[in-house]
Amino acid sequence: MDSTPFSKQCEIMADALVELAGISVWEDLFADYNLGFPLAYSVHHEYAEVNADGANFITDAWSAFCKALNLDEFANHDSLDSMLADL
C-alpha cells in the first residue's frame, strides 16, 4: 500500500487544524507541533513553500497525529473525515 502523499498530509493537517482547534483533547498535540500544523496549513493553501528542513516539521507532526489517532502513519489516508471515522 502506498503512503499518504505529502500534499495530502498537508491537506489533512490543515483540515485538522481548522476543525479540531479549540477541542481540549487536541490542544497538547497542536501545542507540541506548533510549527508542523501551521506550516502544513500554509503549504496546502499555497501561502508558503517548504524545503527539506521544513518538511521534517510537517512529517513529524503527521506521525504524531496518526499515533494520536492510533492509525498507521504509512497507510494511504484520503481525508480527515475518513481518519476520524476509523476511531
Protein backbone atom coordinates (compact mmCIF):
# COMPACT_ATOMS: atom_id res chain seq x y z
CA MET A 1 0.00 0.00 0.00
CA ASP A 2 1.24 3.50 -0.81
CA SER A 3 1.67 6.08 1.91
CA THR A 4 -0.34 9.28 2.02
CA PRO A 5 1.33 11.74 -0.36
CA PHE A 6 2.95 14.75 1.28
CA SER A 7 0.47 17.16 -0.32
CA LYS A 8 -2.45 15.12 1.05
CA GLN A 9 -0.82 15.05 4.50
CA CYS A 10 -0.71 18.85 4.37
CA GLU A 11 -4.36 19.00 3.31
CA ILE A 12 -5.48 16.67 6.11
CA MET A 13 -3.41 18.51 8.71
CA ALA A 14 -4.77 21.86 7.51
CA ASP A 15 -8.30 20.49 7.89
CA ALA A 16 -7.45 19.15 11.34
CA LEU A 17 -6.06 22.49 12.44
CA VAL A 18 -9.31 24.21 11.44
CA GLU A 19 -11.80 21.54 12.51
CA LEU A 20 -10.18 20.39 15.76
CA ALA A 21 -8.88 23.72 17.06
CA GLY A 22 -10.29 24.59 20.44
CA ILE A 23 -11.10 21.00 21.35
CA SER A 24 -9.24 20.33 24.56
CA VAL A 25 -8.11 16.79 23.69
CA TRP A 26 -6.14 18.18 20.70
CA GLU A 27 -4.59 21.21 22.43
CA ASP A 28 -1.42 19.42 23.55
CA LEU A 29 -0.77 17.93 20.11
CA PHE A 30 -1.20 21.28 18.39
CA ALA A 31 1.00 22.95 21.01
CA ASP A 32 3.71 20.29 20.74
CA TYR A 33 3.74 20.56 16.94
CA ASN A 34 3.14 24.31 16.78
CA LEU A 35 5.29 24.58 13.65
CA GLY A 36 4.21 21.47 11.76
CA PHE A 37 0.46 22.02 11.68
CA PRO A 38 0.53 25.72 10.73
CA LEU A 39 3.25 25.05 8.17
CA ALA A 40 1.15 22.25 6.63
CA TYR A 41 -1.79 24.67 6.52
CA SER A 42 0.34 27.28 4.80
CA VAL A 43 1.72 24.81 2.26
CA HIS A 44 -1.73 23.41 1.48
CA HIS A 45 -3.18 26.87 0.89
CA GLU A 46 -0.10 27.88 -1.13
CA TYR A 47 0.90 30.63 1.30
CA ALA A 48 4.33 29.07 1.65
CA GLU A 49 6.72 26.63 0.05
CA VAL A 50 8.72 24.24 2.18
CA ASN A 51 12.29 22.99 1.94
CA ALA A 52 13.51 19.65 3.30
CA ASP A 53 14.05 21.04 6.80
CA GLY A 54 10.55 22.50 6.91
CA ALA A 55 9.07 19.29 5.54
CA ASN A 56 10.53 17.49 8.56
CA PHE A 57 8.34 19.61 10.86
CA ILE A 58 5.30 18.54 8.86
CA THR A 59 6.18 14.85 8.70
CA ASP A 60 6.95 14.78 12.43
CA ALA A 61 3.56 16.34 13.14
CA TRP A 62 1.90 13.87 10.72
CA SER A 63 3.47 10.96 12.55
CA ALA A 64 2.30 12.27 15.92
CA PHE A 65 -1.18 12.95 14.57
CA CYS A 66 -1.52 9.41 13.23
CA LYS A 67 -0.24 7.99 16.52
CA ALA A 68 -2.79 10.08 18.44
CA LEU A 69 -5.50 8.55 16.24
CA ASN A 70 -3.95 5.09 16.58
CA LEU A 71 -3.60 4.88 12.79
CA ASP A 72 -0.74 3.70 10.61
CA GLU A 73 1.20 6.78 9.50
CA PHE A 74 2.39 4.86 6.44
CA ALA A 75 -1.11 3.97 5.22
CA ASN A 76 -2.77 5.97 2.47
CA HIS A 77 -5.35 8.21 4.15
CA ASP A 78 -7.90 10.02 1.99
CA SER A 79 -9.28 12.68 4.31
CA LEU A 80 -9.57 13.86 7.88
CA ASP A 81 -13.15 12.58 7.99
CA SER A 82 -12.09 9.08 6.97
CA MET A 83 -9.30 9.11 9.55
CA LEU A 84 -11.68 10.19 12.31
CA ALA A 85 -14.30 7.67 11.18
CA ASP A 86 -11.84 4.85 11.89
CA LEU A 87 -11.81 5.72 15.58
